[in-house]
Amino acid sequence: MDFATRLKPTHLNLLIKVAESGQLQRAAQMAGMSQPAASRVLADMEKRMGGPLFERHPKGMQATALGDLCIRHAKVILEEYGALDEDARRITSGQSGRVRVGAVTGPAVGLLMPAIRSVKASAPDIEMTIDVGPSTELVRGLVEGRFDFVIARIPPEYDSRDFRLQPARSEIVSLLVRPEHPLAAEKRIDLNDLNQFEWVVQEIGSPIRQAVEAAFHEKRIATPTRITNSSSLLVVLSLLESTDTIAPQSEEVAKMLAHGPLGTNVVALELADPIMVPPCFIIRNRFGQLPQAAILLINAVFETL
């Protein structure tokens, strides 16, 4: 074991070069060392292995059975060294490794997924872990070290000075309905016309719900009362399929559902005045250092903005 720990890649390479060339002088040149140094290395290896590794003949050097054994293992070890070097290069350059990122729903669709597709096109070996959830859970996960960065809003219980913040896009709320809805073909719909319908809305306190309620309050209109609370898209789509329910969603999600490849049978109402949600931020820990793979992804997110 002591001998194995003293072996260097150059020693193993010398063994292979001697076997390939059959001449110590030529092998030394190929291994990048002088012939005296090569002779010392080979003699030391033979002493510690307990026997000759090569037989010396007038026509050159030929490996013994012990030499063949050492050469076979040397090739495996050097191949592993090469793989280690390549893997390390890919990780340090961001071409490999892991990224853990979280986002609220709208930016997950509109910002994060295009960025991930872009990164995957050039670095397919990066392993992505993506969580979608409310800002409170995402920022808590960032503080606990479960995310490299998140796209969310800073909850009031956190100090923004503990993070690095870069503004992302503002969100627009779209109101989804089924195509047969009485208002589906109307133009410049007023909020007054919406109170008579059922709504399926995210839980109290969610940014989209707060934005919808603020829009009603701003126009001095009572907020909808016939409400089902749910953040589940499966629940939303189920209700939209068979009722005249109205479902507020981020514009990115609405476009994906109404015009994307999913083939969902929904449309967005055309409102007289848009409903806006306060912007999200790209958030990372102030004192943490991002791995290279995460740097590739966050730069791709910035390019998507």
C-alpha atoms as a PDB file:
ATOM      1  CA  MET A   1       0.000   0.000   0.000  1.00  0.00           C
ATOM      2  CA  ASP A   2       2.881   2.360   0.831  1.00  0.00           C
ATOM      3  CA  PHE A   3       4.307   1.772  -2.631  1.00  0.00           C
ATOM      4  CA  ALA A   4       0.953   2.439  -4.317  1.00  0.00           C
ATOM      5  CA  THR A   5       0.591   5.781  -2.527  1.00  0.00           C
ATOM      6  CA  ARG A   6       4.005   6.850  -3.822  1.00  0.00           C
ATOM      7  CA  LEU A   7       3.202   6.095  -7.445  1.00  0.00           C
ATOM      8  CA  LYS A   8       2.649   9.075  -9.698  1.00  0.00           C
ATOM      9  CA  PRO A   9       0.860   9.250 -13.053  1.00  0.00           C
ATOM     10  CA  THR A  10       4.259   9.867 -14.688  1.00  0.00           C
ATOM     11  CA  HIS A  11       5.529   6.549 -13.296  1.00  0.00           C
ATOM     12  CA  LEU A  12       2.521   4.678 -14.654  1.00  0.00           C
ATOM     13  CA  ASN A  13       2.844   6.458 -17.985  1.00  0.00           C
ATOM     14  CA  LEU A  14       6.486   5.404 -18.181  1.00  0.00           C
ATOM     15  CA  LEU A  15       5.494   1.752 -17.775  1.00  0.00           C
ATOM     16  CA  ILE A  16       3.069   2.017 -20.669  1.00  0.00           C
ATOM     17  CA  LYS A  17       5.569   3.841 -22.885  1.00  0.00           C
ATOM     18  CA  VAL A  18       8.248   1.205 -22.239  1.00  0.00           C
ATOM     19  CA  ALA A  19       5.783  -1.512 -23.217  1.00  0.00           C
ATOM     20  CA  GLU A  20       4.793   0.404 -26.367  1.00  0.00           C
ATOM     21  CA  SER A  21       8.303   1.345 -27.550  1.00  0.00           C
ATOM     22  CA  GLY A  22      10.373  -1.565 -26.181  1.00  0.00           C
ATOM     23  CA  GLN A  23      13.188   0.906 -25.465  1.00  0.00           C
ATOM     24  CA  LEU A  24      13.842   2.762 -22.212  1.00  0.00           C
ATOM     25  CA  GLN A  25      15.444   5.774 -23.905  1.00  0.00           C
ATOM     26  CA  ARG A  26      12.516   6.212 -26.281  1.00  0.00           C
ATOM     27  CA  ALA A  27      10.003   5.673 -23.469  1.00  0.00           C
ATOM     28  CA  ALA A  28      11.756   8.309 -21.336  1.00  0.00           C
ATOM     29  CA  GLN A  29      11.456  10.832 -24.167  1.00  0.00           C
ATOM     30  CA  MET A  30       7.787   9.988 -24.668  1.00  0.00           C
ATOM     31  CA  ALA A  31       7.159  10.326 -20.896  1.00  0.00           C
ATOM     32  CA  GLY A  32       8.988  13.650 -20.710  1.00  0.00           C
ATOM     33  CA  MET A  33      11.889  12.614 -18.470  1.00  0.00           C
ATOM     34  CA  SER A  34      15.604  11.901 -18.825  1.00  0.00           C
ATOM     35  CA  GLN A  35      16.835   8.348 -19.337  1.00  0.00           C
ATOM     36  CA  PRO A  36      18.677   8.248 -15.969  1.00  0.00           C
ATOM     37  CA  ALA A  37      15.516   9.370 -14.182  1.00  0.00           C
ATOM     38  CA  ALA A  38      13.486   6.768 -16.066  1.00  0.00           C
ATOM     39  CA  SER A  39      16.015   4.054 -15.118  1.00  0.00           C
ATOM     40  CA  ARG A  40      15.764   5.033 -11.427  1.00  0.00           C
ATOM     41  CA  VAL A  41      11.951   5.038 -11.502  1.00  0.00           C
ATOM     42  CA  LEU A  42      11.794   1.656 -13.218  1.00  0.00           C
ATOM     43  CA  ALA A  43      14.399   0.122 -10.889  1.00  0.00           C
ATOM     44  CA  ASP A  44      12.531   1.431  -7.829  1.00  0.00           C
ATOM     45  CA  MET A  45       9.251   0.013  -9.108  1.00  0.00           C
ATOM     46  CA  GLU A  46      10.813  -3.393  -9.792  1.00  0.00           C
ATOM     47  CA  LYS A  47      12.408  -3.449  -6.342  1.00  0.00           C
ATOM     48  CA  ARG A  48       9.133  -2.668  -4.598  1.00  0.00           C
ATOM     49  CA  MET A  49       7.103  -5.057  -6.758  1.00  0.00           C
ATOM     50  CA  GLY A  50       9.506  -7.868  -5.942  1.00  0.00           C
ATOM     51  CA  GLY A  51      10.629  -8.772  -9.434  1.00  0.00           C
ATOM     52  CA  PRO A  52      11.511  -7.511 -12.905  1.00  0.00           C
ATOM     53  CA  LEU A  53       8.782  -5.832 -14.890  1.00  0.00           C
ATOM     54  CA  PHE A  54      10.605  -6.153 -18.209  1.00  0.00           C
ATOM     55  CA  GLU A  55      13.034  -8.609 -19.738  1.00  0.00           C
ATOM     56  CA  ARG A  56      15.938  -6.964 -21.518  1.00  0.00           C
ATOM     57  CA  HIS A  57      16.693  -8.411 -24.958  1.00  0.00           C
ATOM     58  CA  PRO A  58      18.972  -7.201 -27.773  1.00  0.00           C
ATOM     59  CA  LYS A  59      15.900  -6.253 -29.760  1.00  0.00           C
ATOM     60  CA  GLY A  60      14.301  -4.383 -26.894  1.00  0.00           C
ATOM     61  CA  MET A  61      12.408  -4.738 -23.638  1.00  0.00           C
ATOM     62  CA  GLN A  62       9.482  -7.096 -23.217  1.00  0.00           C
ATOM     63  CA  ALA A  63       7.081  -7.121 -20.274  1.00  0.00           C
ATOM     64  CA  THR A  64       7.161 -10.023 -17.840  1.00  0.00           C
ATOM     65  CA  ALA A  65       3.968 -11.495 -16.373  1.00  0.00           C
ATOM     66  CA  LEU A  66       4.400  -9.131 -13.411  1.00  0.00           C
ATOM     67  CA  GLY A  67       4.983  -6.272 -15.839  1.00  0.00           C
ATOM     68  CA  ASP A  68       1.826  -7.130 -17.801  1.00  0.00           C
ATOM     69  CA  LEU A  69      -0.135  -7.028 -14.548  1.00  0.00           C
ATOM     70  CA  CYS A  70       1.267  -3.601 -13.645  1.00  0.00           C
ATOM     71  CA  ILE A  71       0.696  -2.232 -17.148  1.00  0.00           C
ATOM     72  CA  ARG A  72      -2.915  -3.415 -17.176  1.00  0.00           C
ATOM     73  CA  HIS A  73      -3.621  -1.672 -13.873  1.00  0.00           C
ATOM     74  CA  ALA A  74      -1.645   1.401 -14.961  1.00  0.00           C
ATOM     75  CA  LYS A  75      -3.871   1.840 -17.998  1.00  0.00           C
ATOM     76  CA  VAL A  76      -7.022   1.621 -15.847  1.00  0.00           C
ATOM     77  CA  ILE A  77      -5.632   4.101 -13.308  1.00  0.00           C
ATOM     78  CA  LEU A  78      -4.571   6.593 -15.988  1.00  0.00           C
ATOM     79  CA  GLU A  79      -7.971   6.316 -17.658  1.00  0.00           C
ATOM     80  CA  GLU A  80      -9.562   7.171 -14.292  1.00  0.00           C
ATOM     81  CA  TYR A  81      -7.176  10.097 -13.889  1.00  0.00           C
ATOM     82  CA  GLY A  82      -8.251  11.331 -17.307  1.00  0.00           C
ATOM     83  CA  ALA A  83     -11.924  10.930 -16.422  1.00  0.00           C
ATOM     84  CA  LEU A  84     -11.339  12.767 -13.134  1.00  0.00           C
ATOM     85  CA  ASP A  85      -9.630  15.621 -14.948  1.00  0.00           C
ATOM     86  CA  GLU A  86     -12.446  15.874 -17.503  1.00  0.00           C
ATOM     87  CA  ASP A  87     -15.180  15.720 -14.874  1.00  0.00           C
ATOM     88  CA  ALA A  88     -13.426  18.350 -12.748  1.00  0.00           C
ATOM     89  CA  ARG A  89     -13.044  20.588 -15.794  1.00  0.00           C
ATOM     90  CA  ARG A  90     -16.726  20.237 -16.632  1.00  0.00           C
ATOM     91  CA  ILE A  91     -17.783  21.064 -13.076  1.00  0.00           C
ATOM     92  CA  THR A  92     -15.475  24.063 -12.692  1.00  0.00           C
ATOM     93  CA  SER A  93     -16.537  25.381 -16.103  1.00  0.00           C
ATOM     94  CA  GLY A  94     -20.223  24.851 -15.303  1.00  0.00           C
ATOM     95  CA  GLN A  95     -20.693  22.172 -17.964  1.00  0.00           C
ATOM     96  CA  SER A  96     -21.638  19.623 -15.304  1.00  0.00           C
ATOM     97  CA  GLY A  97     -22.800  19.605 -11.702  1.00  0.00           C
ATOM     98  CA  ARG A  98     -26.090  20.293  -9.948  1.00  0.00           C
ATOM     99  CA  VAL A  99     -28.330  23.336  -9.691  1.00  0.00           C
ATOM    100  CA  ARG A 100     -31.170  23.718  -7.193  1.00  0.00           C
ATOM    101  CA  VAL A 101     -33.550  26.567  -7.947  1.00  0.00           C
ATOM    102  CA  GLY A 102     -37.049  27.597  -6.901  1.00  0.00           C
ATOM    103  CA  ALA A 103     -39.573  30.017  -8.364  1.00  0.00           C
ATOM    104  CA  VAL A 104     -43.132  31.185  -8.008  1.00  0.00           C
ATOM    105  CA  THR A 105     -45.397  29.975 -10.789  1.00  0.00           C
ATOM    106  CA  GLY A 106     -45.313  32.836 -13.294  1.00  0.00           C
ATOM    107  CA  PRO A 107     -41.526  33.333 -13.420  1.00  0.00           C
ATOM    108  CA  ALA A 108     -41.059  29.558 -13.369  1.00  0.00           C
ATOM    109  CA  VAL A 109     -42.881  29.392 -16.702  1.00  0.00           C
ATOM    110  CA  GLY A 110     -41.835  32.720 -18.228  1.00  0.00           C
ATOM    111  CA  LEU A 111     -38.228  33.064 -17.023  1.00  0.00           C
ATOM    112  CA  LEU A 112     -36.844  29.882 -15.542  1.00  0.00           C
ATOM    113  CA  MET A 113     -37.926  27.306 -18.126  1.00  0.00           C
ATOM    114  CA  PRO A 114     -36.572  29.241 -21.159  1.00  0.00           C
ATOM    115  CA  ALA A 115     -33.283  29.716 -19.276  1.00  0.00           C
ATOM    116  CA  ILE A 116     -33.094  26.009 -18.422  1.00  0.00           C
ATOM    117  CA  ARG A 117     -33.733  25.033 -22.046  1.00  0.00           C
ATOM    118  CA  SER A 118     -30.929  27.374 -23.125  1.00  0.00           C
ATOM    119  CA  VAL A 119     -28.446  25.983 -20.584  1.00  0.00           C
ATOM    120  CA  LYS A 120     -29.386  22.372 -21.325  1.00  0.00           C
ATOM    121  CA  ALA A 121     -28.718  22.940 -25.021  1.00  0.00           C
ATOM    122  CA  SER A 122     -25.042  23.699 -24.310  1.00  0.00           C
ATOM    123  CA  ALA A 123     -24.553  21.770 -21.058  1.00  0.00           C
ATOM    124  CA  PRO A 124     -26.867  18.721 -21.091  1.00  0.00           C
ATOM    125  CA  ASP A 125     -25.051  17.024 -18.183  1.00  0.00           C
ATOM    126  CA  ILE A 126     -26.127  19.621 -15.609  1.00  0.00           C
ATOM    127  CA  GLU A 127     -28.651  18.100 -13.228  1.00  0.00           C
ATOM    128  CA  MET A 128     -31.481  20.535 -12.453  1.00  0.00           C
ATOM    129  CA  THR A 129     -33.731  20.433  -9.403  1.00  0.00           C
ATOM    130  CA  ILE A 130     -36.681  22.833  -9.738  1.00  0.00           C
ATOM    131  CA  ASP A 131     -39.269  23.628  -7.083  1.00  0.00           C
ATOM    132  CA  VAL A 132     -42.347  25.795  -7.633  1.00  0.00           C
ATOM    133  CA  GLY A 133     -44.068  27.243  -4.593  1.00  0.00           C
ATOM    134  CA  PRO A 134     -44.995  30.378  -2.648  1.00  0.00           C
ATOM    135  CA  SER A 135     -42.352  32.972  -1.832  1.00  0.00           C
ATOM    136  CA  THR A 136     -42.343  32.186   1.888  1.00  0.00           C
ATOM    137  CA  GLU A 137     -41.372  28.553   1.292  1.00  0.00           C
ATOM    138  CA  LEU A 138     -38.832  29.432  -1.396  1.00  0.00           C
ATOM    139  CA  VAL A 139     -36.999  32.074   0.635  1.00  0.00           C
ATOM    140  CA  ARG A 140     -36.990  29.769   3.665  1.00  0.00           C
ATOM    141  CA  GLY A 141     -35.426  27.081   1.485  1.00  0.00           C
ATOM    142  CA  LEU A 142     -32.808  29.556   0.261  1.00  0.00           C
ATOM    143  CA  VAL A 143     -31.892  30.487   3.853  1.00  0.00           C
ATOM    144  CA  GLU A 144     -31.683  26.795   4.784  1.00  0.00           C
ATOM    145  CA  GLY A 145     -29.353  26.099   1.850  1.00  0.00           C
ATOM    146  CA  ARG A 146     -31.790  24.020  -0.198  1.00  0.00           C
ATOM    147  CA  PHE A 147     -31.609  26.379  -3.203  1.00  0.00           C
ATOM    148  CA  ASP A 148     -28.793  28.107  -5.062  1.00  0.00           C
ATOM    149  CA  PHE A 149     -31.162  30.949  -5.919  1.00  0.00           C
ATOM    150  CA  VAL A 150     -34.891  31.593  -6.147  1.00  0.00           C
ATOM    151  CA  ILE A 151     -37.214  33.837  -8.136  1.00  0.00           C
ATOM    152  CA  ALA A 152     -39.719  35.128  -5.630  1.00  0.00           C
ATOM    153  CA  ARG A 153     -40.759  38.056  -3.455  1.00  0.00           C
ATOM    154  CA  ILE A 154     -39.181  38.857  -0.089  1.00  0.00           C
ATOM    155  CA  PRO A 155     -41.676  37.931   2.668  1.00  0.00           C
ATOM    156  CA  PRO A 156     -42.097  40.597   5.370  1.00  0.00           C
ATOM    157  CA  GLU A 157     -40.448  38.444   8.045  1.00  0.00           C
ATOM    158  CA  TYR A 158     -37.095  38.513   6.198  1.00  0.00           C
ATOM    159  CA  ASP A 159     -34.555  41.345   5.991  1.00  0.00           C
ATOM    160  CA  SER A 160     -33.788  42.137   2.358  1.00  0.00           C
ATOM    161  CA  ARG A 161     -30.260  43.168   3.370  1.00  0.00           C
ATOM    162  CA  ASP A 162     -29.432  39.495   3.940  1.00  0.00           C
ATOM    163  CA  PHE A 163     -29.813  38.774   0.216  1.00  0.00           C
ATOM    164  CA  ARG A 164     -28.611  39.844  -3.191  1.00  0.00           C
ATOM    165  CA  LEU A 165     -31.661  41.037  -5.108  1.00  0.00           C
ATOM    166  CA  GLN A 166     -32.052  41.699  -8.816  1.00  0.00           C
ATOM    167  CA  PRO A 167     -35.469  42.713 -10.126  1.00  0.00           C
ATOM    168  CA  ALA A 168     -37.254  40.339 -12.459  1.00  0.00           C
ATOM    169  CA  ARG A 169     -40.353  41.070 -14.549  1.00  0.00           C
ATOM    170  CA  SER A 170     -43.593  42.441 -13.200  1.00  0.00           C
ATOM    171  CA  GLU A 171     -46.462  39.997 -13.518  1.00  0.00           C
ATOM    172  CA  ILE A 172     -49.802  40.576 -15.222  1.00  0.00           C
ATOM    173  CA  VAL A 173     -52.828  38.632 -14.029  1.00  0.00           C
ATOM    174  CA  SER A 174     -54.945  36.910 -16.673  1.00  0.00           C
ATOM    175  CA  LEU A 175     -58.485  35.757 -15.930  1.00  0.00           C
ATOM    176  CA  LEU A 176     -59.076  32.343 -17.502  1.00  0.00           C
ATOM    177  CA  VAL A 177     -62.481  30.983 -18.462  1.00  0.00           C
ATOM    178  CA  ARG A 178     -63.839  28.282 -20.738  1.00  0.00           C
ATOM    179  CA  PRO A 179     -64.580  29.360 -24.360  1.00  0.00           C
ATOM    180  CA  GLU A 180     -68.343  29.038 -23.741  1.00  0.00           C
ATOM    181  CA  HIS A 181     -68.251  31.577 -20.903  1.00  0.00           C
ATOM    182  CA  PRO A 182     -70.753  34.467 -21.402  1.00  0.00           C
ATOM    183  CA  LEU A 183     -67.898  37.024 -21.328  1.00  0.00           C
ATOM    184  CA  ALA A 184     -65.377  35.082 -23.407  1.00  0.00           C
ATOM    185  CA  ALA A 185     -65.961  37.101 -26.583  1.00  0.00           C
ATOM    186  CA  GLU A 186     -66.434  40.485 -24.888  1.00  0.00           C
ATOM    187  CA  LYS A 187     -63.938  43.360 -25.205  1.00  0.00           C
ATOM    188  CA  ARG A 188     -62.667  45.690 -22.462  1.00  0.00           C
ATOM    189  CA  ILE A 189     -64.548  43.956 -19.676  1.00  0.00           C
ATOM    190  CA  ASP A 190     -65.139  45.951 -16.491  1.00  0.00           C
ATOM    191  CA  LEU A 191     -64.627  44.369 -13.088  1.00  0.00           C
ATOM    192  CA  ASN A 192     -68.267  45.176 -12.271  1.00  0.00           C
ATOM    193  CA  ASP A 193     -69.277  42.462 -14.745  1.00  0.00           C
ATOM    194  CA  LEU A 194     -67.351  39.711 -12.944  1.00  0.00           C
ATOM    195  CA  ASN A 195     -68.918  39.539  -9.494  1.00  0.00           C
ATOM    196  CA  GLN A 196     -71.856  37.394 -10.568  1.00  0.00           C
ATOM    197  CA  PHE A 197     -69.610  34.427 -11.433  1.00  0.00           C
ATOM    198  CA  GLU A 198     -67.879  31.751  -9.408  1.00  0.00           C
ATOM    199  CA  TRP A 199     -64.132  32.206  -8.903  1.00  0.00           C
ATOM    200  CA  VAL A 200     -61.320  29.753  -8.136  1.00  0.00           C
ATOM    201  CA  VAL A 201     -58.497  31.734  -6.556  1.00  0.00           C
ATOM    202  CA  GLN A 202     -55.206  31.074  -4.791  1.00  0.00           C
ATOM    203  CA  GLU A 203     -55.262  31.116  -1.000  1.00  0.00           C
ATOM    204  CA  ILE A 204     -55.662  34.323   1.019  1.00  0.00           C
ATOM    205  CA  GLY A 205     -52.392  36.268   1.067  1.00  0.00           C
ATOM    206  CA  SER A 206     -51.062  34.982  -2.244  1.00  0.00           C
ATOM    207  CA  PRO A 207     -49.727  37.756  -4.543  1.00  0.00           C
ATOM    208  CA  ILE A 208     -52.202  37.080  -7.364  1.00  0.00           C
ATOM    209  CA  ARG A 209     -55.164  37.096  -4.989  1.00  0.00           C
ATOM    210  CA  GLN A 210     -53.934  40.296  -3.353  1.00  0.00           C
ATOM    211  CA  ALA A 211     -53.562  41.925  -6.781  1.00  0.00           C
ATOM    212  CA  VAL A 212     -57.095  40.898  -7.806  1.00  0.00           C
ATOM    213  CA  GLU A 213     -58.583  42.173  -4.541  1.00  0.00           C
ATOM    214  CA  ALA A 214     -56.601  45.435  -4.827  1.00  0.00           C
ATOM    215  CA  ALA A 215     -57.964  45.976  -8.350  1.00  0.00           C
ATOM    216  CA  PHE A 216     -61.532  45.659  -7.047  1.00  0.00           C
ATOM    217  CA  HIS A 217     -60.821  47.921  -4.068  1.00  0.00           C
ATOM    218  CA  GLU A 218     -59.245  50.570  -6.303  1.00  0.00           C
ATOM    219  CA  LYS A 219     -62.475  50.830  -8.284  1.00  0.00           C
ATOM    220  CA  ARG A 220     -64.570  50.734  -5.083  1.00  0.00           C
ATOM    221  CA  ILE A 221     -66.176  47.462  -6.140  1.00  0.00           C
ATOM    222  CA  ALA A 222     -66.955  44.630  -3.740  1.00  0.00           C
ATOM    223  CA  THR A 223     -64.591  41.690  -4.132  1.00  0.00           C
ATOM    224  CA  PRO A 224     -66.014  38.377  -5.392  1.00  0.00           C
ATOM    225  CA  THR A 225     -67.718  36.289  -2.720  1.00  0.00           C
ATOM    226  CA  ARG A 226     -68.426  33.035  -4.577  1.00  0.00           C
ATOM    227  CA  ILE A 227     -64.913  31.675  -4.217  1.00  0.00           C
ATOM    228  CA  THR A 228     -63.172  28.313  -4.193  1.00  0.00           C
ATOM    229  CA  ASN A 229     -59.653  28.535  -2.720  1.00  0.00           C
ATOM    230  CA  SER A 230     -57.063  26.436  -4.525  1.00  0.00           C
ATOM    231  CA  SER A 231     -53.591  26.819  -6.041  1.00  0.00           C
ATOM    232  CA  SER A 232     -53.882  23.504  -7.870  1.00  0.00           C
ATOM    233  CA  LEU A 233     -53.954  23.765 -11.653  1.00  0.00           C
ATOM    234  CA  LEU A 234     -55.754  20.416 -11.786  1.00  0.00           C
ATOM    235  CA  VAL A 235     -58.577  21.850  -9.668  1.00  0.00           C
ATOM    236  CA  VAL A 236     -58.621  25.019 -11.777  1.00  0.00           C
ATOM    237  CA  LEU A 237     -58.836  23.156 -15.085  1.00  0.00           C
ATOM    238  CA  SER A 238     -61.485  20.809 -13.745  1.00  0.00           C
ATOM    239  CA  LEU A 239     -63.709  23.724 -12.708  1.00  0.00           C
ATOM    240  CA  LEU A 240     -63.130  25.637 -15.944  1.00  0.00           C
ATOM    241  CA  GLU A 241     -64.036  22.620 -18.024  1.00  0.00           C
ATOM    242  CA  SER A 242     -67.670  22.429 -16.932  1.00  0.00           C
ATOM    243  CA  THR A 243     -68.608  25.727 -15.254  1.00  0.00           C
ATOM    244  CA  ASP A 244     -68.454  29.472 -15.860  1.00  0.00           C
ATOM    245  CA  THR A 245     -65.823  29.841 -13.145  1.00  0.00           C
ATOM    246  CA  ILE A 246     -63.189  32.589 -13.460  1.00  0.00           C
ATOM    247  CA  ALA A 247     -59.594  31.640 -12.594  1.00  0.00           C
ATOM    248  CA  PRO A 248     -56.866  34.279 -12.088  1.00  0.00           C
ATOM    249  CA  GLN A 249     -53.431  33.067 -13.218  1.00  0.00           C
ATOM    250  CA  SER A 250     -50.163  34.725 -14.124  1.00  0.00           C
ATOM    251  CA  GLU A 251     -50.021  35.787 -17.754  1.00  0.00           C
ATOM    252  CA  GLU A 252     -47.209  33.289 -18.469  1.00  0.00           C
ATOM    253  CA  VAL A 253     -49.256  30.382 -17.158  1.00  0.00           C
ATOM    254  CA  ALA A 254     -52.354  31.616 -18.978  1.00  0.00           C
ATOM    255  CA  LYS A 255     -50.501  31.758 -22.299  1.00  0.00           C
ATOM    256  CA  MET A 256     -49.107  28.274 -21.770  1.00  0.00           C
ATOM    257  CA  LEU A 257     -52.591  26.904 -21.055  1.00  0.00           C
ATOM    258  CA  ALA A 258     -54.489  28.849 -23.724  1.00  0.00           C
ATOM    259  CA  HIS A 259     -51.955  28.873 -26.564  1.00  0.00           C
ATOM    260  CA  GLY A 260     -49.332  26.269 -25.692  1.00  0.00           C
ATOM    261  CA  PRO A 261     -48.989  22.622 -26.716  1.00  0.00           C
ATOM    262  CA  LEU A 262     -50.995  21.358 -23.732  1.00  0.00           C
ATOM    263  CA  GLY A 263     -54.251  21.763 -25.621  1.00  0.00           C
ATOM    264  CA  THR A 264     -56.311  23.017 -22.674  1.00  0.00           C
ATOM    265  CA  ASN A 265     -59.662  24.475 -23.680  1.00  0.00           C
ATOM    266  CA  VAL A 266     -59.450  27.896 -21.986  1.00  0.00           C
ATOM    267  CA  VAL A 267     -59.320  31.551 -23.008  1.00  0.00           C
ATOM    268  CA  ALA A 268     -58.298  34.750 -21.216  1.00  0.00           C
ATOM    269  CA  LEU A 269     -60.817  37.527 -20.674  1.00  0.00           C
ATOM    270  CA  GLU A 270     -59.959  40.907 -22.198  1.00  0.00           C
ATOM    271  CA  LEU A 271     -60.101  43.396 -19.325  1.00  0.00           C
ATOM    272  CA  ALA A 272     -60.472  47.146 -19.677  1.00  0.00           C
ATOM    273  CA  ASP A 273     -57.637  47.653 -17.188  1.00  0.00           C
ATOM    274  CA  PRO A 274     -54.826  45.172 -16.561  1.00  0.00           C
ATOM    275  CA  ILE A 275     -54.322  43.683 -13.104  1.00  0.00           C
ATOM    276  CA  MET A 276     -50.672  43.909 -12.047  1.00  0.00           C
ATOM    277  CA  VAL A 277     -48.743  41.934  -9.438  1.00  0.00           C
ATOM    278  CA  PRO A 278     -45.689  43.502  -7.722  1.00  0.00           C
ATOM    279  CA  PRO A 279     -42.456  42.311  -9.382  1.00  0.00           C
ATOM    280  CA  CYS A 280     -40.461  39.318  -8.249  1.00  0.00           C
ATOM    281  CA  PHE A 281     -36.749  39.332  -7.576  1.00  0.00           C
ATOM    282  CA  ILE A 282     -33.944  36.965  -8.416  1.00  0.00           C
ATOM    283  CA  ILE A 283     -32.750  36.250  -4.882  1.00  0.00           C
ATOM    284  CA  ARG A 284     -29.535  34.666  -3.650  1.00  0.00           C
ATOM    285  CA  ASN A 285     -27.762  34.616  -0.316  1.00  0.00           C
ATOM    286  CA  ARG A 286     -25.579  37.674   0.129  1.00  0.00           C
ATOM    287  CA  PHE A 287     -22.525  35.804   1.355  1.00  0.00           C
ATOM    288  CA  GLY A 288     -22.886  32.518  -0.507  1.00  0.00           C
ATOM    289  CA  GLN A 289     -20.907  31.630  -3.623  1.00  0.00           C
ATOM    290  CA  LEU A 290     -22.783  30.069  -6.510  1.00  0.00           C
ATOM    291  CA  PRO A 291     -21.359  26.937  -8.169  1.00  0.00           C
ATOM    292  CA  GLN A 292     -20.422  27.378 -11.811  1.00  0.00           C
ATOM    293  CA  ALA A 293     -23.460  25.465 -13.070  1.00  0.00           C
ATOM    294  CA  ALA A 294     -25.751  27.801 -11.103  1.00  0.00           C
ATOM    295  CA  ILE A 295     -23.898  30.820 -12.510  1.00  0.00           C
ATOM    296  CA  LEU A 296     -24.623  29.540 -16.028  1.00  0.00           C
ATOM    297  CA  LEU A 297     -28.322  29.254 -15.211  1.00  0.00           C
ATOM    298  CA  ILE A 298     -28.695  32.606 -13.432  1.00  0.00           C
ATOM    299  CA  ASN A 299     -26.931  34.347 -16.343  1.00  0.00           C
ATOM    300  CA  ALA A 300     -29.361  32.656 -18.732  1.00  0.00           C
ATOM    301  CA  VAL A 301     -32.251  33.959 -16.584  1.00  0.00           C
ATOM    302  CA  PHE A 302     -30.843  37.499 -16.864  1.00  0.00           C
ATOM    303  CA  GLU A 303     -30.684  37.128 -20.655  1.00  0.00           C
ATOM    304  CA  THR A 304     -34.355  36.092 -20.657  1.00  0.00           C
ATOM    305  CA  LEU A 305     -35.448  39.257 -18.835  1.00  0.00           C
END
